[in-house]
């Protein structure tokens, strides 16, 4: 039987496709959660928990009360709004009954389609030729989705093996690698895994490290001018002496970071989590307000 490969979706971003063992490993490592969605065709989606395909506690209950399901999603959206607005009150938007009915119908239709897709995947037996054809089709879908991403390609760095000889690129895994004095200005390394990496004296001017993880990384005296660190996790990193002029640190996590001697000049800190755990106010520049 040919092995299926799955797309993942979370926060409106699509990842993959990945084979089941890679998804299992990511689940065990806590890199993804059971509420992430999976799909065989990047069209019909179902949460990992509801799919019953992976080694987690499955949620196979049928949605008997669709009103309750929609209400639960509304509560999740309201909770996210409250977090983004630092706990301020969220104004309830007036509801359109006709629009809500259409939304409920769409949710139910997608749920039924995806359940049927997963059920078919569980029960059918493929010949080698059918498996090969399915693989070609899925690869074609993946290429089509990649083309549709424009300048934001699908990130495929989940559980990627550490490779210290690779250049700095999107999704690369440099966990624990030693790269002192590394030079690659303008590098594109979105979602890179750089935990505990040693990049002292690196020259990365204008690089894109958005949403990278740099926990406990060492970037002493690094040139990080105009670097995009939006959403990056720099927990416990050492940035002493680094130049962060013009850097974008919006939504970055800086808890426990060593900022001794760091140069800030027109450095954006909107909604960044500061070294003491405070969330910087919108419009914060150079100083967390």
C-alpha atoms as a PDB file:
ATOM      1  CA  UNK A   1       0.000   0.000   0.000  1.00  0.00           C
ATOM      2  CA  UNK A   2       1.424   3.381  -0.994  1.00  0.00           C
ATOM      3  CA  UNK A   3       2.154   5.751   1.861  1.00  0.00           C
ATOM      4  CA  UNK A   4       0.026   8.904   1.875  1.00  0.00           C
ATOM      5  CA  UNK A   5       1.551  12.310   2.328  1.00  0.00           C
ATOM      6  CA  UNK A   6      -0.308  15.082   4.111  1.00  0.00           C
ATOM      7  CA  UNK A   7      -0.487  18.853   4.023  1.00  0.00           C
ATOM      8  CA  UNK A   8      -0.663  20.772   7.323  1.00  0.00           C
ATOM      9  CA  UNK A   9      -2.464  24.074   7.911  1.00  0.00           C
ATOM     10  CA  UNK A  10      -2.222  26.395  10.923  1.00  0.00           C
ATOM     11  CA  UNK A  11      -3.043  30.100  11.306  1.00  0.00           C
ATOM     12  CA  UNK A  12      -3.879  30.258   7.568  1.00  0.00           C
ATOM     13  CA  UNK A  13      -0.424  28.976   6.560  1.00  0.00           C
ATOM     14  CA  UNK A  14       0.002  25.750   4.573  1.00  0.00           C
ATOM     15  CA  UNK A  15       2.980  23.429   5.184  1.00  0.00           C
ATOM     16  CA  UNK A  16       4.161  20.275   3.462  1.00  0.00           C
ATOM     17  CA  UNK A  17       3.336  17.796   2.181  1.00  0.00           C
ATOM     18  CA  UNK A  18       4.845  15.421   4.788  1.00  0.00           C
ATOM     19  CA  UNK A  19       4.777  11.615   5.229  1.00  0.00           C
ATOM     20  CA  UNK A  20       3.005  10.303   8.357  1.00  0.00           C
ATOM     21  CA  UNK A  21       6.220   9.430  10.296  1.00  0.00           C
ATOM     22  CA  UNK A  22       7.419  13.025  10.006  1.00  0.00           C
ATOM     23  CA  UNK A  23       4.092  14.328  11.321  1.00  0.00           C
ATOM     24  CA  UNK A  24       4.206  11.790  14.174  1.00  0.00           C
ATOM     25  CA  UNK A  25       7.687  12.995  15.114  1.00  0.00           C
ATOM     26  CA  UNK A  26       6.582  16.639  15.022  1.00  0.00           C
ATOM     27  CA  UNK A  27       3.603  15.822  17.267  1.00  0.00           C
ATOM     28  CA  UNK A  28       5.830  14.050  19.791  1.00  0.00           C
ATOM     29  CA  UNK A  29       8.307  16.953  19.782  1.00  0.00           C
ATOM     30  CA  UNK A  30       5.511  19.453  20.368  1.00  0.00           C
ATOM     31  CA  UNK A  31       6.296  21.305  17.129  1.00  0.00           C
ATOM     32  CA  UNK A  32       2.696  20.909  15.988  1.00  0.00           C
ATOM     33  CA  UNK A  33      -0.513  20.367  17.964  1.00  0.00           C
ATOM     34  CA  UNK A  34      -3.527  18.069  17.468  1.00  0.00           C
ATOM     35  CA  UNK A  35      -5.689  21.081  16.567  1.00  0.00           C
ATOM     36  CA  UNK A  36      -3.606  21.703  13.424  1.00  0.00           C
ATOM     37  CA  UNK A  37      -5.458  20.709  10.259  1.00  0.00           C
ATOM     38  CA  UNK A  38      -4.434  18.063   7.697  1.00  0.00           C
ATOM     39  CA  UNK A  39      -5.431  17.408   4.107  1.00  0.00           C
ATOM     40  CA  UNK A  40      -4.521  15.033   1.290  1.00  0.00           C
ATOM     41  CA  UNK A  41      -5.346  17.522  -1.442  1.00  0.00           C
ATOM     42  CA  UNK A  42      -4.821  20.965   0.168  1.00  0.00           C
ATOM     43  CA  UNK A  43      -8.548  21.618  -0.375  1.00  0.00           C
ATOM     44  CA  UNK A  44     -10.493  19.573   2.218  1.00  0.00           C
ATOM     45  CA  UNK A  45      -9.246  20.008   5.796  1.00  0.00           C
ATOM     46  CA  UNK A  46      -9.773  18.256   9.125  1.00  0.00           C
ATOM     47  CA  UNK A  47      -7.975  18.624  12.445  1.00  0.00           C
ATOM     48  CA  UNK A  48      -5.294  16.035  13.257  1.00  0.00           C
ATOM     49  CA  UNK A  49      -7.271  15.009  16.332  1.00  0.00           C
ATOM     50  CA  UNK A  50     -10.485  14.443  14.365  1.00  0.00           C
ATOM     51  CA  UNK A  51      -8.738  12.537  11.560  1.00  0.00           C
ATOM     52  CA  UNK A  52      -7.746   9.562  13.731  1.00  0.00           C
ATOM     53  CA  UNK A  53      -4.701   9.061  11.488  1.00  0.00           C
ATOM     54  CA  UNK A  54      -1.962   9.697  14.037  1.00  0.00           C
ATOM     55  CA  UNK A  55      -0.855   8.446  17.442  1.00  0.00           C
ATOM     56  CA  UNK A  56      -2.751  10.885  19.619  1.00  0.00           C
ATOM     57  CA  UNK A  57      -5.973  10.728  21.590  1.00  0.00           C
ATOM     58  CA  UNK A  58      -8.482  11.002  18.717  1.00  0.00           C
ATOM     59  CA  UNK A  59     -11.654  13.008  18.804  1.00  0.00           C
ATOM     60  CA  UNK A  60     -14.068  10.930  16.726  1.00  0.00           C
ATOM     61  CA  UNK A  61     -17.295  12.436  18.030  1.00  0.00           C
ATOM     62  CA  UNK A  62     -19.694  13.486  15.275  1.00  0.00           C
ATOM     63  CA  UNK A  63     -20.715  17.124  15.321  1.00  0.00           C
ATOM     64  CA  UNK A  64     -24.294  16.661  16.605  1.00  0.00           C
ATOM     65  CA  UNK A  65     -24.747  20.315  17.490  1.00  0.00           C
ATOM     66  CA  UNK A  66     -23.401  22.494  14.699  1.00  0.00           C
ATOM     67  CA  UNK A  67     -24.584  25.621  16.499  1.00  0.00           C
ATOM     68  CA  UNK A  68     -22.259  24.718  19.378  1.00  0.00           C
ATOM     69  CA  UNK A  69     -19.341  24.168  17.009  1.00  0.00           C
ATOM     70  CA  UNK A  70     -19.780  27.572  15.379  1.00  0.00           C
ATOM     71  CA  UNK A  71     -20.145  29.190  18.811  1.00  0.00           C
ATOM     72  CA  UNK A  72     -16.883  27.550  19.926  1.00  0.00           C
ATOM     73  CA  UNK A  73     -15.062  29.008  16.907  1.00  0.00           C
ATOM     74  CA  UNK A  74     -16.546  32.435  17.719  1.00  0.00           C
ATOM     75  CA  UNK A  75     -15.207  32.186  21.255  1.00  0.00           C
ATOM     76  CA  UNK A  76     -11.746  31.297  19.942  1.00  0.00           C
ATOM     77  CA  UNK A  77     -11.773  34.353  17.642  1.00  0.00           C
ATOM     78  CA  UNK A  78     -12.855  36.619  20.505  1.00  0.00           C
ATOM     79  CA  UNK A  79     -10.086  35.227  22.738  1.00  0.00           C
ATOM     80  CA  UNK A  80      -7.493  35.923  20.059  1.00  0.00           C
ATOM     81  CA  UNK A  81      -8.779  39.485  19.641  1.00  0.00           C
ATOM     82  CA  UNK A  82      -8.547  40.079  23.380  1.00  0.00           C
ATOM     83  CA  UNK A  83      -4.921  38.872  23.369  1.00  0.00           C
ATOM     84  CA  UNK A  84      -3.958  41.034  20.403  1.00  0.00           C
ATOM     85  CA  UNK A  85      -5.487  44.078  22.077  1.00  0.00           C
ATOM     86  CA  UNK A  86      -3.803  43.516  25.422  1.00  0.00           C
ATOM     87  CA  UNK A  87      -6.960  42.460  27.208  1.00  0.00           C
ATOM     88  CA  UNK A  88      -9.071  45.410  26.079  1.00  0.00           C
ATOM     89  CA  UNK A  89     -12.782  44.907  25.561  1.00  0.00           C
ATOM     90  CA  UNK A  90     -13.805  43.536  22.189  1.00  0.00           C
ATOM     91  CA  UNK A  91     -16.944  44.967  20.656  1.00  0.00           C
ATOM     92  CA  UNK A  92     -19.395  42.307  19.553  1.00  0.00           C
ATOM     93  CA  UNK A  93     -20.152  42.654  15.848  1.00  0.00           C
ATOM     94  CA  UNK A  94     -23.822  42.583  14.848  1.00  0.00           C
ATOM     95  CA  UNK A  95     -24.719  39.188  13.407  1.00  0.00           C
ATOM     96  CA  UNK A  96     -26.473  38.546  10.120  1.00  0.00           C
ATOM     97  CA  UNK A  97     -28.704  35.420  10.538  1.00  0.00           C
ATOM     98  CA  UNK A  98     -28.610  34.638   6.821  1.00  0.00           C
ATOM     99  CA  UNK A  99     -24.837  34.921   6.700  1.00  0.00           C
ATOM    100  CA  UNK A 100     -24.472  32.743   9.808  1.00  0.00           C
ATOM    101  CA  UNK A 101     -26.721  30.097   8.295  1.00  0.00           C
ATOM    102  CA  UNK A 102     -24.589  30.062   5.158  1.00  0.00           C
ATOM    103  CA  UNK A 103     -21.452  29.806   7.306  1.00  0.00           C
ATOM    104  CA  UNK A 104     -22.877  26.871   9.263  1.00  0.00           C
ATOM    105  CA  UNK A 105     -23.832  25.134   6.033  1.00  0.00           C
ATOM    106  CA  UNK A 106     -20.287  25.642   4.683  1.00  0.00           C
ATOM    107  CA  UNK A 107     -18.709  24.262   7.875  1.00  0.00           C
ATOM    108  CA  UNK A 108     -20.946  21.174   7.780  1.00  0.00           C
ATOM    109  CA  UNK A 109     -20.300  20.604   4.073  1.00  0.00           C
ATOM    110  CA  UNK A 110     -16.515  20.844   4.491  1.00  0.00           C
ATOM    111  CA  UNK A 111     -16.658  18.551   7.534  1.00  0.00           C
ATOM    112  CA  UNK A 112     -18.623  15.871   5.655  1.00  0.00           C
ATOM    113  CA  UNK A 113     -16.331  16.062   2.599  1.00  0.00           C
ATOM    114  CA  UNK A 114     -13.186  15.763   4.664  1.00  0.00           C
ATOM    115  CA  UNK A 115     -14.558  12.925   6.810  1.00  0.00           C
ATOM    116  CA  UNK A 116     -15.392  11.059   3.603  1.00  0.00           C
ATOM    117  CA  UNK A 117     -11.902  11.686   2.257  1.00  0.00           C
ATOM    118  CA  UNK A 118     -10.236  10.357   5.423  1.00  0.00           C
ATOM    119  CA  UNK A 119     -12.600   7.367   5.566  1.00  0.00           C
ATOM    120  CA  UNK A 120     -11.772   6.511   1.983  1.00  0.00           C
ATOM    121  CA  UNK A 121      -8.061   6.774   2.769  1.00  0.00           C
ATOM    122  CA  UNK A 122      -8.429   4.363   5.713  1.00  0.00           C
ATOM    123  CA  UNK A 123     -10.420   1.688   3.883  1.00  0.00           C
ATOM    124  CA  UNK A 124      -9.333   1.498   0.267  1.00  0.00           C
ATOM    125  CA  UNK A 125      -6.423  -0.669  -0.939  1.00  0.00           C
ATOM    126  CA  UNK A 126      -4.364   0.713  -3.796  1.00  0.00           C
ATOM    127  CA  UNK A 127      -2.471  -1.237  -6.431  1.00  0.00           C
ATOM    128  CA  UNK A 128       1.167  -0.151  -6.984  1.00  0.00           C
ATOM    129  CA  UNK A 129       0.158   1.696 -10.153  1.00  0.00           C
ATOM    130  CA  UNK A 130      -2.662   3.570  -8.418  1.00  0.00           C
ATOM    131  CA  UNK A 131      -0.282   4.505  -5.603  1.00  0.00           C
ATOM    132  CA  UNK A 132       2.252   5.820  -8.105  1.00  0.00           C
ATOM    133  CA  UNK A 133      -0.427   7.825  -9.900  1.00  0.00           C
ATOM    134  CA  UNK A 134      -1.676   9.264  -6.579  1.00  0.00           C
ATOM    135  CA  UNK A 135       1.869  10.311  -5.713  1.00  0.00           C
ATOM    136  CA  UNK A 136       2.250  12.113  -9.038  1.00  0.00           C
ATOM    137  CA  UNK A 137      -1.085  13.897  -8.532  1.00  0.00           C
ATOM    138  CA  UNK A 138      -0.181  15.020  -5.006  1.00  0.00           C
ATOM    139  CA  UNK A 139       3.219  16.265  -6.163  1.00  0.00           C
ATOM    140  CA  UNK A 140       1.433  18.218  -8.878  1.00  0.00           C
ATOM    141  CA  UNK A 141      -0.921  19.737  -6.317  1.00  0.00           C
ATOM    142  CA  UNK A 142       2.019  20.650  -4.109  1.00  0.00           C
ATOM    143  CA  UNK A 143       3.760  22.381  -7.036  1.00  0.00           C
ATOM    144  CA  UNK A 144       0.574  24.263  -7.879  1.00  0.00           C
ATOM    145  CA  UNK A 145       0.141  25.405  -4.283  1.00  0.00           C
ATOM    146  CA  UNK A 146       3.800  26.462  -4.188  1.00  0.00           C
ATOM    147  CA  UNK A 147       3.285  28.608  -7.287  1.00  0.00           C
ATOM    148  CA  UNK A 148       0.291  30.213  -5.628  1.00  0.00           C
ATOM    149  CA  UNK A 149       2.321  31.254  -2.606  1.00  0.00           C
ATOM    150  CA  UNK A 150       4.178  33.975  -4.518  1.00  0.00           C
ATOM    151  CA  UNK A 151       7.101  35.215  -2.460  1.00  0.00           C
ATOM    152  CA  UNK A 152       5.927  33.228   0.597  1.00  0.00           C
ATOM    153  CA  UNK A 153       6.604  29.581  -0.318  1.00  0.00           C
ATOM    154  CA  UNK A 154       5.330  26.680   1.753  1.00  0.00           C
ATOM    155  CA  UNK A 155       7.612  26.181   4.728  1.00  0.00           C
ATOM    156  CA  UNK A 156       8.851  22.594   4.991  1.00  0.00           C
ATOM    157  CA  UNK A 157      11.157  22.872   7.990  1.00  0.00           C
ATOM    158  CA  UNK A 158       9.090  20.817  10.462  1.00  0.00           C
ATOM    159  CA  UNK A 159      11.363  18.191  12.058  1.00  0.00           C
ATOM    160  CA  UNK A 160      13.995  18.789   9.381  1.00  0.00           C
ATOM    161  CA  UNK A 161      17.347  17.160  10.188  1.00  0.00           C
ATOM    162  CA  UNK A 162      20.125  19.395  11.482  1.00  0.00           C
ATOM    163  CA  UNK A 163      22.508  20.285   8.647  1.00  0.00           C
ATOM    164  CA  UNK A 164      25.281  22.702   9.593  1.00  0.00           C
ATOM    165  CA  UNK A 165      26.800  22.796   6.099  1.00  0.00           C
ATOM    166  CA  UNK A 166      23.716  24.236   4.419  1.00  0.00           C
ATOM    167  CA  UNK A 167      23.516  27.928   3.684  1.00  0.00           C
ATOM    168  CA  UNK A 168      21.084  30.090   5.628  1.00  0.00           C
ATOM    169  CA  UNK A 169      17.712  29.607   3.916  1.00  0.00           C
ATOM    170  CA  UNK A 170      13.994  29.236   4.615  1.00  0.00           C
ATOM    171  CA  UNK A 171      13.294  26.410   7.073  1.00  0.00           C
ATOM    172  CA  UNK A 172      16.946  25.407   7.561  1.00  0.00           C
ATOM    173  CA  UNK A 173      17.784  23.580  10.796  1.00  0.00           C
ATOM    174  CA  UNK A 174      21.033  24.861  12.324  1.00  0.00           C
ATOM    175  CA  UNK A 175      20.237  23.830  15.895  1.00  0.00           C
ATOM    176  CA  UNK A 176      23.466  23.908  17.905  1.00  0.00           C
ATOM    177  CA  UNK A 177      25.656  24.690  14.879  1.00  0.00           C
ATOM    178  CA  UNK A 178      28.798  26.822  15.219  1.00  0.00           C
ATOM    179  CA  UNK A 179      28.813  29.663  12.671  1.00  0.00           C
ATOM    180  CA  UNK A 180      30.973  32.472  14.165  1.00  0.00           C
ATOM    181  CA  UNK A 181      31.715  35.238  11.675  1.00  0.00           C
ATOM    182  CA  UNK A 182      29.160  33.882   9.198  1.00  0.00           C
ATOM    183  CA  UNK A 183      28.482  36.302   6.308  1.00  0.00           C
ATOM    184  CA  UNK A 184      25.281  36.220   4.251  1.00  0.00           C
ATOM    185  CA  UNK A 185      23.664  39.656   3.969  1.00  0.00           C
ATOM    186  CA  UNK A 186      20.094  39.594   2.686  1.00  0.00           C
ATOM    187  CA  UNK A 187      19.635  35.893   3.512  1.00  0.00           C
ATOM    188  CA  UNK A 188      16.076  34.537   3.338  1.00  0.00           C
ATOM    189  CA  UNK A 189      15.683  32.271   6.370  1.00  0.00           C
ATOM    190  CA  UNK A 190      12.046  32.456   7.373  1.00  0.00           C
ATOM    191  CA  UNK A 191      10.956  29.817   9.933  1.00  0.00           C
ATOM    192  CA  UNK A 192      14.581  28.695  10.340  1.00  0.00           C
ATOM    193  CA  UNK A 193      15.546  26.544  13.342  1.00  0.00           C
ATOM    194  CA  UNK A 194      18.509  28.353  14.924  1.00  0.00           C
ATOM    195  CA  UNK A 195      18.243  27.344  18.583  1.00  0.00           C
ATOM    196  CA  UNK A 196      21.626  27.427  20.397  1.00  0.00           C
ATOM    197  CA  UNK A 197      23.381  28.410  17.168  1.00  0.00           C
ATOM    198  CA  UNK A 198      26.653  30.357  17.535  1.00  0.00           C
ATOM    199  CA  UNK A 199      26.608  33.366  15.200  1.00  0.00           C
ATOM    200  CA  UNK A 200      28.966  35.697  17.047  1.00  0.00           C
ATOM    201  CA  UNK A 201      30.311  38.474  14.767  1.00  0.00           C
ATOM    202  CA  UNK A 202      27.988  37.332  11.950  1.00  0.00           C
ATOM    203  CA  UNK A 203      27.180  39.791   9.162  1.00  0.00           C
ATOM    204  CA  UNK A 204      23.503  39.397   8.257  1.00  0.00           C
ATOM    205  CA  UNK A 205      22.483  42.895   7.190  1.00  0.00           C
ATOM    206  CA  UNK A 206      19.003  42.942   5.624  1.00  0.00           C
ATOM    207  CA  UNK A 207      18.348  39.241   6.271  1.00  0.00           C
ATOM    208  CA  UNK A 208      14.811  37.904   6.696  1.00  0.00           C
ATOM    209  CA  UNK A 209      14.652  35.785   9.865  1.00  0.00           C
ATOM    210  CA  UNK A 210      10.944  36.243  10.449  1.00  0.00           C
ATOM    211  CA  UNK A 211       9.372  33.586  12.689  1.00  0.00           C
ATOM    212  CA  UNK A 212      12.730  31.868  13.166  1.00  0.00           C
ATOM    213  CA  UNK A 213      13.524  30.243  16.519  1.00  0.00           C
ATOM    214  CA  UNK A 214      16.780  31.437  18.100  1.00  0.00           C
ATOM    215  CA  UNK A 215      16.372  30.200  21.670  1.00  0.00           C
ATOM    216  CA  UNK A 216      19.650  30.453  23.602  1.00  0.00           C
ATOM    217  CA  UNK A 217      21.448  31.494  20.394  1.00  0.00           C
ATOM    218  CA  UNK A 218      24.674  33.515  20.610  1.00  0.00           C
ATOM    219  CA  UNK A 219      24.753  36.598  18.352  1.00  0.00           C
ATOM    220  CA  UNK A 220      27.337  38.695  20.177  1.00  0.00           C
ATOM    221  CA  UNK A 221      28.576  41.670  18.142  1.00  0.00           C
ATOM    222  CA  UNK A 222      26.533  40.499  15.159  1.00  0.00           C
ATOM    223  CA  UNK A 223      25.573  42.967  12.426  1.00  0.00           C
ATOM    224  CA  UNK A 224      21.782  42.729  12.284  1.00  0.00           C
ATOM    225  CA  UNK A 225      21.043  46.042  10.598  1.00  0.00           C
ATOM    226  CA  UNK A 226      17.599  46.093   8.930  1.00  0.00           C
ATOM    227  CA  UNK A 227      17.090  42.407   9.768  1.00  0.00           C
ATOM    228  CA  UNK A 228      13.483  41.194   9.783  1.00  0.00           C
ATOM    229  CA  UNK A 229      12.919  39.344  13.077  1.00  0.00           C
ATOM    230  CA  UNK A 230       9.139  39.627  13.097  1.00  0.00           C
ATOM    231  CA  UNK A 231       7.680  36.952  15.360  1.00  0.00           C
ATOM    232  CA  UNK A 232      11.097  35.405  16.022  1.00  0.00           C
ATOM    233  CA  UNK A 233      11.675  33.568  19.314  1.00  0.00           C
ATOM    234  CA  UNK A 234      14.915  34.855  20.874  1.00  0.00           C
ATOM    235  CA  UNK A 235      14.298  33.526  24.383  1.00  0.00           C
ATOM    236  CA  UNK A 236      17.535  33.576  26.451  1.00  0.00           C
ATOM    237  CA  UNK A 237      19.626  34.573  23.414  1.00  0.00           C
ATOM    238  CA  UNK A 238      22.854  36.601  23.804  1.00  0.00           C
ATOM    239  CA  UNK A 239      22.735  39.740  21.643  1.00  0.00           C
ATOM    240  CA  UNK A 240      25.347  41.710  23.578  1.00  0.00           C
ATOM    241  CA  UNK A 241      27.083  44.238  21.358  1.00  0.00           C
ATOM    242  CA  UNK A 242      24.870  43.485  18.348  1.00  0.00           C
ATOM    243  CA  UNK A 243      23.728  46.222  15.957  1.00  0.00           C
ATOM    244  CA  UNK A 244      19.934  46.116  15.549  1.00  0.00           C
ATOM    245  CA  UNK A 245      19.573  49.458  13.777  1.00  0.00           C
ATOM    246  CA  UNK A 246      16.448  49.454  11.625  1.00  0.00           C
ATOM    247  CA  UNK A 247      15.586  45.899  12.656  1.00  0.00           C
ATOM    248  CA  UNK A 248      11.959  44.750  12.780  1.00  0.00           C
ATOM    249  CA  UNK A 249      11.264  43.007  16.100  1.00  0.00           C
ATOM    250  CA  UNK A 250       7.491  43.272  16.075  1.00  0.00           C
ATOM    251  CA  UNK A 251       5.877  40.357  17.952  1.00  0.00           C
ATOM    252  CA  UNK A 252       9.326  38.894  18.686  1.00  0.00           C
ATOM    253  CA  UNK A 253       9.951  37.126  22.003  1.00  0.00           C
ATOM    254  CA  UNK A 254      12.908  38.669  23.872  1.00  0.00           C
ATOM    255  CA  UNK A 255      12.384  37.096  27.291  1.00  0.00           C
ATOM    256  CA  UNK A 256      15.697  36.703  29.091  1.00  0.00           C
ATOM    257  CA  UNK A 257      17.744  38.123  26.197  1.00  0.00           C
ATOM    258  CA  UNK A 258      21.124  39.729  26.974  1.00  0.00           C
ATOM    259  CA  UNK A 259      20.892  43.214  25.415  1.00  0.00           C
ATOM    260  CA  UNK A 260      24.080  44.656  26.937  1.00  0.00           C
ATOM    261  CA  UNK A 261      25.573  47.184  24.532  1.00  0.00           C
ATOM    262  CA  UNK A 262      22.990  46.530  21.808  1.00  0.00           C
ATOM    263  CA  UNK A 263      22.536  49.360  19.313  1.00  0.00           C
ATOM    264  CA  UNK A 264      18.893  50.335  18.762  1.00  0.00           C
ATOM    265  CA  UNK A 265      18.127  52.968  16.113  1.00  0.00           C
ATOM    266  CA  UNK A 266      14.692  53.055  14.470  1.00  0.00           C
ATOM    267  CA  UNK A 267      14.211  49.500  15.780  1.00  0.00           C
ATOM    268  CA  UNK A 268      10.541  48.439  15.743  1.00  0.00           C
ATOM    269  CA  UNK A 269       9.314  46.779  18.938  1.00  0.00           C
ATOM    270  CA  UNK A 270       5.534  46.810  18.487  1.00  0.00           C
ATOM    271  CA  UNK A 271       3.919  44.015  20.520  1.00  0.00           C
ATOM    272  CA  UNK A 272       7.320  42.401  21.196  1.00  0.00           C
ATOM    273  CA  UNK A 273       7.631  40.495  24.474  1.00  0.00           C
ATOM    274  CA  UNK A 274      10.375  42.360  26.345  1.00  0.00           C
ATOM    275  CA  UNK A 275      13.168  40.824  28.453  1.00  0.00           C
ATOM    276  CA  UNK A 276      11.066  41.173  31.616  1.00  0.00           C
ATOM    277  CA  UNK A 277       7.930  39.644  30.078  1.00  0.00           C
ATOM    278  CA  UNK A 278       6.140  42.920  29.302  1.00  0.00           C
ATOM    279  CA  UNK A 279       4.410  43.272  25.945  1.00  0.00           C
ATOM    280  CA  UNK A 280       5.605  46.447  24.215  1.00  0.00           C
ATOM    281  CA  UNK A 281       2.906  48.929  23.248  1.00  0.00           C
ATOM    282  CA  UNK A 282       2.082  49.598  19.594  1.00  0.00           C
ATOM    283  CA  UNK A 283       4.413  52.222  18.168  1.00  0.00           C
ATOM    284  CA  UNK A 284       7.324  51.281  20.450  1.00  0.00           C
ATOM    285  CA  UNK A 285      10.600  52.222  18.802  1.00  0.00           C
ATOM    286  CA  UNK A 286      14.011  51.599  20.368  1.00  0.00           C
ATOM    287  CA  UNK A 287      12.392  51.466  23.825  1.00  0.00           C
ATOM    288  CA  UNK A 288       9.700  49.070  25.007  1.00  0.00           C
ATOM    289  CA  UNK A 289       6.800  51.218  26.224  1.00  0.00           C
END
